[in-house]
C-alpha atoms as a PDB file:
ATOM      1  CA  MET A   1     261.353  10.528 216.043  1.00  0.00           C
ATOM      2  CA  THR A   2     258.705  10.958 218.733  1.00  0.00           C
ATOM      3  CA  LYS A   3     258.344  13.975 220.990  1.00  0.00           C
ATOM      4  CA  LYS A   4     259.750  11.975 223.946  1.00  0.00           C
ATOM      5  CA  GLU A   5     262.702  10.807 221.862  1.00  0.00           C
ATOM      6  CA  ALA A   6     263.370  14.365 220.669  1.00  0.00           C
ATOM      7  CA  ILE A   7     263.429  15.755 224.192  1.00  0.00           C
ATOM      8  CA  LYS A   8     265.576  12.898 225.430  1.00  0.00           C
ATOM      9  CA  ALA A   9     268.095  13.570 222.625  1.00  0.00           C
ATOM     10  CA  LEU A  10     267.956  17.313 223.273  1.00  0.00           C
ATOM     11  CA  ARG A  11     268.518  16.894 227.036  1.00  0.00           C
ATOM     12  CA  GLU A  12     271.597  14.795 226.255  1.00  0.00           C
ATOM     13  CA  SER A  13     272.962  17.594 224.041  1.00  0.00           C
ATOM     14  CA  ASP A  14     273.868  19.912 226.932  1.00  0.00           C
ATOM     15  CA  HIS A  15     276.176  22.729 225.681  1.00  0.00           C
ATOM     16  CA  CYS A  16     276.071  21.404 222.127  1.00  0.00           C
ATOM     17  CA  PHE A  17     275.675  23.156 218.849  1.00  0.00           C
ATOM     18  CA  ILE A  18     273.183  21.137 216.732  1.00  0.00           C
ATOM     19  CA  SER A  19     273.399  21.072 212.945  1.00  0.00           C
ATOM     20  CA  ALA A  20     270.563  22.399 210.812  1.00  0.00           C
ATOM     21  CA  ASP A  21     269.445  18.832 210.061  1.00  0.00           C
ATOM     22  CA  GLY A  22     269.474  18.050 213.748  1.00  0.00           C
ATOM     23  CA  VAL A  23     267.364  21.128 214.513  1.00  0.00           C
ATOM     24  CA  TYR A  24     264.814  20.005 211.973  1.00  0.00           C
ATOM     25  CA  ASP A  25     264.751  16.480 213.413  1.00  0.00           C
ATOM     26  CA  LEU A  26     264.238  17.756 216.967  1.00  0.00           C
ATOM     27  CA  THR A  27     261.533  20.295 216.215  1.00  0.00           C
ATOM     28  CA  LYS A  28     259.575  18.444 213.519  1.00  0.00           C
ATOM     29  CA  PRO A  29     257.674  16.249 216.100  1.00  0.00           C
ATOM     30  CA  PHE A  30     256.387  19.469 217.603  1.00  0.00           C
ATOM     31  CA  GLY A  31     255.036  20.770 214.307  1.00  0.00           C
ATOM     32  CA  PHE A  32     257.502  23.532 213.401  1.00  0.00           C
ATOM     33  CA  GLU A  33     261.025  24.184 212.162  1.00  0.00           C
ATOM     34  CA  GLY A  34     263.411  25.698 214.722  1.00  0.00           C
ATOM     35  CA  SER A  35     265.639  28.627 213.905  1.00  0.00           C
ATOM     36  CA  THR A  36     269.206  28.268 212.683  1.00  0.00           C
ATOM     37  CA  TYR A  37     272.138  30.574 211.992  1.00  0.00           C
ATOM     38  CA  VAL A  38     275.650  30.190 210.627  1.00  0.00           C
ATOM     39  CA  ALA A  39     278.116  29.938 213.513  1.00  0.00           C
ATOM     40  CA  LYS A  40     281.783  30.528 213.084  1.00  0.00           C
ATOM     41  CA  ALA A  41     284.213  28.405 215.137  1.00  0.00           C
ATOM     42  CA  ASN A  42     286.352  30.206 217.669  1.00  0.00           C
ATOM     43  CA  PRO A  43     288.092  27.403 219.583  1.00  0.00           C
ATOM     44  CA  GLN A  44     291.000  29.616 220.663  1.00  0.00           C
ATOM     45  CA  ASP A  45     288.674  31.944 222.596  1.00  0.00           C
ATOM     46  CA  PHE A  46     287.909  31.297 226.248  1.00  0.00           C
ATOM     47  CA  LYS A  47     284.819  29.069 226.197  1.00  0.00           C
ATOM     48  CA  GLY A  48     284.961  29.270 222.378  1.00  0.00           C
ATOM     49  CA  LEU A  49     282.920  27.224 219.960  1.00  0.00           C
ATOM     50  CA  THR A  50     284.465  24.231 218.206  1.00  0.00           C
ATOM     51  CA  LEU A  51     282.488  22.755 215.295  1.00  0.00           C
ATOM     52  CA  TRP A  52     282.872  19.237 213.890  1.00  0.00           C
ATOM     53  CA  ASP A  53     281.563  17.644 210.695  1.00  0.00           C
ATOM     54  CA  ASN A  54     280.026  14.190 210.559  1.00  0.00           C
ATOM     55  CA  ASP A  55     283.472  12.649 210.101  1.00  0.00           C
ATOM     56  CA  GLY A  56     284.812  14.258 213.283  1.00  0.00           C
ATOM     57  CA  LYS A  57     286.895  16.855 211.427  1.00  0.00           C
ATOM     58  CA  PRO A  58     286.883  20.491 212.608  1.00  0.00           C
ATOM     59  CA  VAL A  59     285.109  22.978 210.396  1.00  0.00           C
ATOM     60  CA  LYS A  60     285.241  26.777 210.403  1.00  0.00           C
ATOM     61  CA  GLU A  61     281.502  27.382 210.176  1.00  0.00           C
ATOM     62  CA  MET A  62     278.225  25.473 210.302  1.00  0.00           C
ATOM     63  CA  GLU A  63     274.491  26.227 210.137  1.00  0.00           C
ATOM     64  CA  GLY A  64     272.613  25.116 213.190  1.00  0.00           C
ATOM     65  CA  GLN A  65     271.520  26.234 216.687  1.00  0.00           C
ATOM     66  CA  ASP A  66     272.465  25.910 220.342  1.00  0.00           C
ATOM     67  CA  ALA A  67     270.622  23.081 222.149  1.00  0.00           C
ATOM     68  CA  SER A  68     269.295  25.436 224.861  1.00  0.00           C
ATOM     69  CA  VAL A  69     267.737  27.692 222.192  1.00  0.00           C
ATOM     70  CA  ILE A  70     266.048  24.741 220.528  1.00  0.00           C
ATOM     71  CA  ALA A  71     264.579  23.718 223.921  1.00  0.00           C
ATOM     72  CA  THR A  72     263.242  27.186 224.593  1.00  0.00           C
ATOM     73  CA  GLU A  73     261.802  27.448 221.064  1.00  0.00           C
ATOM     74  CA  ILE A  74     259.909  24.204 221.564  1.00  0.00           C
ATOM     75  CA  ALA A  75     258.632  25.332 224.980  1.00  0.00           C
ATOM     76  CA  ASN A  76     257.544  28.683 223.536  1.00  0.00           C
ATOM     77  CA  HIS A  77     255.864  27.018 220.527  1.00  0.00           C
ATOM     78  CA  LEU A  78     253.868  24.848 222.979  1.00  0.00           C
ATOM     79  CA  GLY A  79     252.975  27.943 225.054  1.00  0.00           C
ATOM     80  CA  LEU A  80     254.704  26.608 228.165  1.00  0.00           C
ATOM     81  CA  GLU A  81     256.002  28.584 231.113  1.00  0.00           C
ATOM     82  CA  TYR A  82     259.532  27.889 232.295  1.00  0.00           C
ATOM     83  CA  LYS A  83     261.998  29.789 234.416  1.00  0.00           C
ATOM     84  CA  GLU A  84     264.535  31.875 232.511  1.00  0.00           C
ATOM     85  CA  GLN A  85     268.088  30.831 233.351  1.00  0.00           C
ATOM     86  CA  PHE A  86     271.450  32.533 232.731  1.00  0.00           C
ATOM     87  CA  GLY A  87     273.507  29.418 231.893  1.00  0.00           C
ATOM     88  CA  ARG A  88     272.917  27.386 228.740  1.00  0.00           C
ATOM     89  CA  GLY A  89     272.839  24.078 230.616  1.00  0.00           C
ATOM     90  CA  SER A  90     270.427  25.351 233.239  1.00  0.00           C
ATOM     91  CA  GLN A  91     268.186  26.860 230.534  1.00  0.00           C
ATOM     92  CA  LEU A  92     268.175  23.605 228.577  1.00  0.00           C
ATOM     93  CA  ARG A  93     267.162  21.599 231.654  1.00  0.00           C
ATOM     94  CA  THR A  94     264.442  24.030 232.714  1.00  0.00           C
ATOM     95  CA  ALA A  95     262.857  24.105 229.254  1.00  0.00           C
ATOM     96  CA  CYS A  96     263.156  20.338 228.824  1.00  0.00           C
ATOM     97  CA  ASN A  97     261.489  19.778 232.234  1.00  0.00           C
ATOM     98  CA  ALA A  98     258.560  21.963 231.191  1.00  0.00           C
ATOM     99  CA  ILE A  99     258.233  20.161 227.832  1.00  0.00           C
ATOM    100  CA  GLU A 100     258.449  16.694 229.376  1.00  0.00           C
ATOM    101  CA  LYS A 101     255.772  17.565 231.923  1.00  0.00           C
ATOM    102  CA  ALA A 102     253.503  18.864 229.135  1.00  0.00           C
ATOM    103  CA  ILE A 103     253.871  15.818 226.869  1.00  0.00           C
ATOM    104  CA  ALA A 104     253.734  13.164 229.609  1.00  0.00           C
END
């Protein structure tokens, strides 16, 4: 995967929880491994997290990272400035914009 392909995929992952393998695939082109943690599903909670395995079945926990965190980690790794945002989607877009501008 190229840097441009990674950012395109990341931008399309708005409000997504990315598996540990996906985090590796998205950050590898930038020369580092992004952080992960084990998330626990809470689909009954308001705005709760629902996790799915590769077969589309719900799972109770999964190692990975939020897409917006991956984008900010890449931007920080590259030493880029971007505006801090409150919402995950806004933060993802702001960081991706900075990264796309830097790698263009």
